[in-house]
């Protein structure tokens, strides 16, 4: 599993993860907040979204980021939300950079 060597993003409009292979994954803070998969944001059995994107301020930022074991981070957001966990695997697999997006586009669908 990939592990970040550095996480930069407190109070910033972007959250950057620098991985062991020196790849940099940069998420806009609001985009990452909207990706939360906790039970407050996504219906547990159906997977239907519960979070209304209109309720997330455009200037939302991370107020606190902490490690969850060796596999994820927990973020406390400026909008008060603090129940989501973001796995390193998901953060890396869904990296929004052009290189990673192109690699996903070339790979066969699972």
Protein backbone atom coordinates (compact mmCIF):
# COMPACT_ATOMS: atom_id res chain seq x y z
CA UNK A 1 0.00 0.00 0.00
CA UNK A 2 1.35 3.45 -0.83
CA UNK A 3 2.28 5.68 2.08
CA UNK A 4 2.64 9.45 1.95
CA UNK A 5 5.88 10.89 3.25
CA UNK A 6 4.37 14.34 3.67
CA UNK A 7 0.88 15.82 3.91
CA UNK A 8 0.50 19.56 3.41
CA UNK A 9 -2.82 21.33 3.66
CA UNK A 10 -3.86 22.81 6.98
CA UNK A 11 -5.81 25.98 6.32
CA UNK A 12 -5.01 25.82 2.60
CA UNK A 13 -7.26 25.58 -0.44
CA UNK A 14 -5.42 22.41 -1.52
CA UNK A 15 -4.22 19.28 0.25
CA UNK A 16 -1.01 17.77 -1.11
CA UNK A 17 0.29 14.28 -0.42
CA UNK A 18 3.89 13.50 -1.35
CA UNK A 19 4.33 9.74 -1.75
CA UNK A 20 7.33 7.45 -1.21
CA UNK A 21 7.97 7.45 -4.97
CA UNK A 22 7.96 11.31 -4.90
CA UNK A 23 4.67 11.52 -6.79
CA UNK A 24 2.58 14.49 -5.64
CA UNK A 25 -1.18 14.15 -5.34
CA UNK A 26 -3.01 17.46 -5.03
CA UNK A 27 -6.70 17.65 -4.16
CA UNK A 28 -8.65 20.86 -3.91
CA UNK A 29 -9.82 20.91 -0.28
CA UNK A 30 -13.48 21.24 -1.24
CA UNK A 31 -13.25 18.37 -3.72
CA UNK A 32 -11.77 16.14 -1.03
CA UNK A 33 -14.46 17.23 1.45
CA UNK A 34 -17.13 16.30 -1.13
CA UNK A 35 -15.52 12.84 -1.53
CA UNK A 36 -16.21 11.93 2.11
CA UNK A 37 -17.74 8.45 2.34
CA UNK A 38 -18.84 8.52 6.00
CA UNK A 39 -22.38 7.57 7.05
CA UNK A 40 -23.34 11.25 7.30
CA UNK A 41 -22.36 11.84 3.67
CA UNK A 42 -23.30 8.54 1.97
CA UNK A 43 -26.19 6.19 2.75
CA UNK A 44 -24.59 3.05 4.15
CA UNK A 45 -26.57 0.33 2.38
CA UNK A 46 -27.36 1.89 -0.99
CA UNK A 47 -24.35 4.17 -1.40
CA UNK A 48 -26.68 7.05 -2.29
CA UNK A 49 -25.24 10.48 -1.56
CA UNK A 50 -26.64 12.25 1.50
CA UNK A 51 -24.36 15.28 1.36
CA UNK A 52 -25.78 18.25 -0.52
CA UNK A 53 -22.76 19.89 -2.22
CA UNK A 54 -24.46 23.27 -1.84
CA UNK A 55 -23.98 22.98 1.94
CA UNK A 56 -20.17 22.79 1.65
CA UNK A 57 -18.64 26.27 1.47
CA UNK A 58 -16.37 26.96 -1.50
CA UNK A 59 -13.61 28.02 0.88
CA UNK A 60 -13.71 24.95 3.17
CA UNK A 61 -10.26 23.95 4.46
CA UNK A 62 -8.74 21.29 6.68
CA UNK A 63 -8.39 22.49 10.28
CA UNK A 64 -6.81 19.27 11.57
CA UNK A 65 -5.31 16.24 9.81
CA UNK A 66 -4.29 13.14 11.73
CA UNK A 67 -3.09 9.67 10.85
CA UNK A 68 -5.40 6.69 11.28
CA UNK A 69 -3.05 3.77 11.77
CA UNK A 70 -0.82 3.20 8.77
CA UNK A 71 -3.64 3.33 6.22
CA UNK A 72 -5.58 6.60 6.27
CA UNK A 73 -6.05 10.16 7.44
CA UNK A 74 -8.88 11.76 9.37
CA UNK A 75 -9.67 15.40 8.57
CA UNK A 76 -11.54 17.93 10.67
CA UNK A 77 -12.97 20.46 8.21
CA UNK A 78 -13.69 24.16 8.71
CA UNK A 79 -17.39 23.48 8.04
CA UNK A 80 -17.49 21.38 11.23
CA UNK A 81 -17.52 17.97 9.53
CA UNK A 82 -15.14 15.48 11.15
CA UNK A 83 -16.32 11.90 10.69
CA UNK A 84 -14.67 10.91 7.41
CA UNK A 85 -11.60 8.75 6.92
CA UNK A 86 -9.62 8.93 3.69
CA UNK A 87 -7.56 5.81 2.94
CA UNK A 88 -4.14 6.21 1.41
CA UNK A 89 -5.04 3.60 -1.19
CA UNK A 90 -8.08 5.58 -2.34
CA UNK A 91 -6.24 8.90 -2.25
CA UNK A 92 -3.49 7.51 -4.48
CA UNK A 93 -5.73 5.47 -6.80
CA UNK A 94 -7.95 8.51 -7.43
CA UNK A 95 -5.15 11.04 -7.81
CA UNK A 96 -6.58 13.81 -10.01
CA UNK A 97 -3.31 14.69 -11.80
CA UNK A 98 -3.15 14.37 -15.57
CA UNK A 99 -0.61 11.51 -15.45
CA UNK A 100 -2.72 9.36 -13.13
CA UNK A 101 -5.92 10.18 -15.00
CA UNK A 102 -4.31 9.12 -18.29
CA UNK A 103 -3.11 5.85 -16.72
CA UNK A 104 -6.64 5.11 -15.45
CA UNK A 105 -8.06 5.87 -18.90
CA UNK A 106 -5.62 3.38 -20.50
CA UNK A 107 -6.18 0.56 -18.03
CA UNK A 108 -8.86 -2.05 -18.67
CA UNK A 109 -12.01 -1.60 -16.61
CA UNK A 110 -12.19 -3.82 -13.52
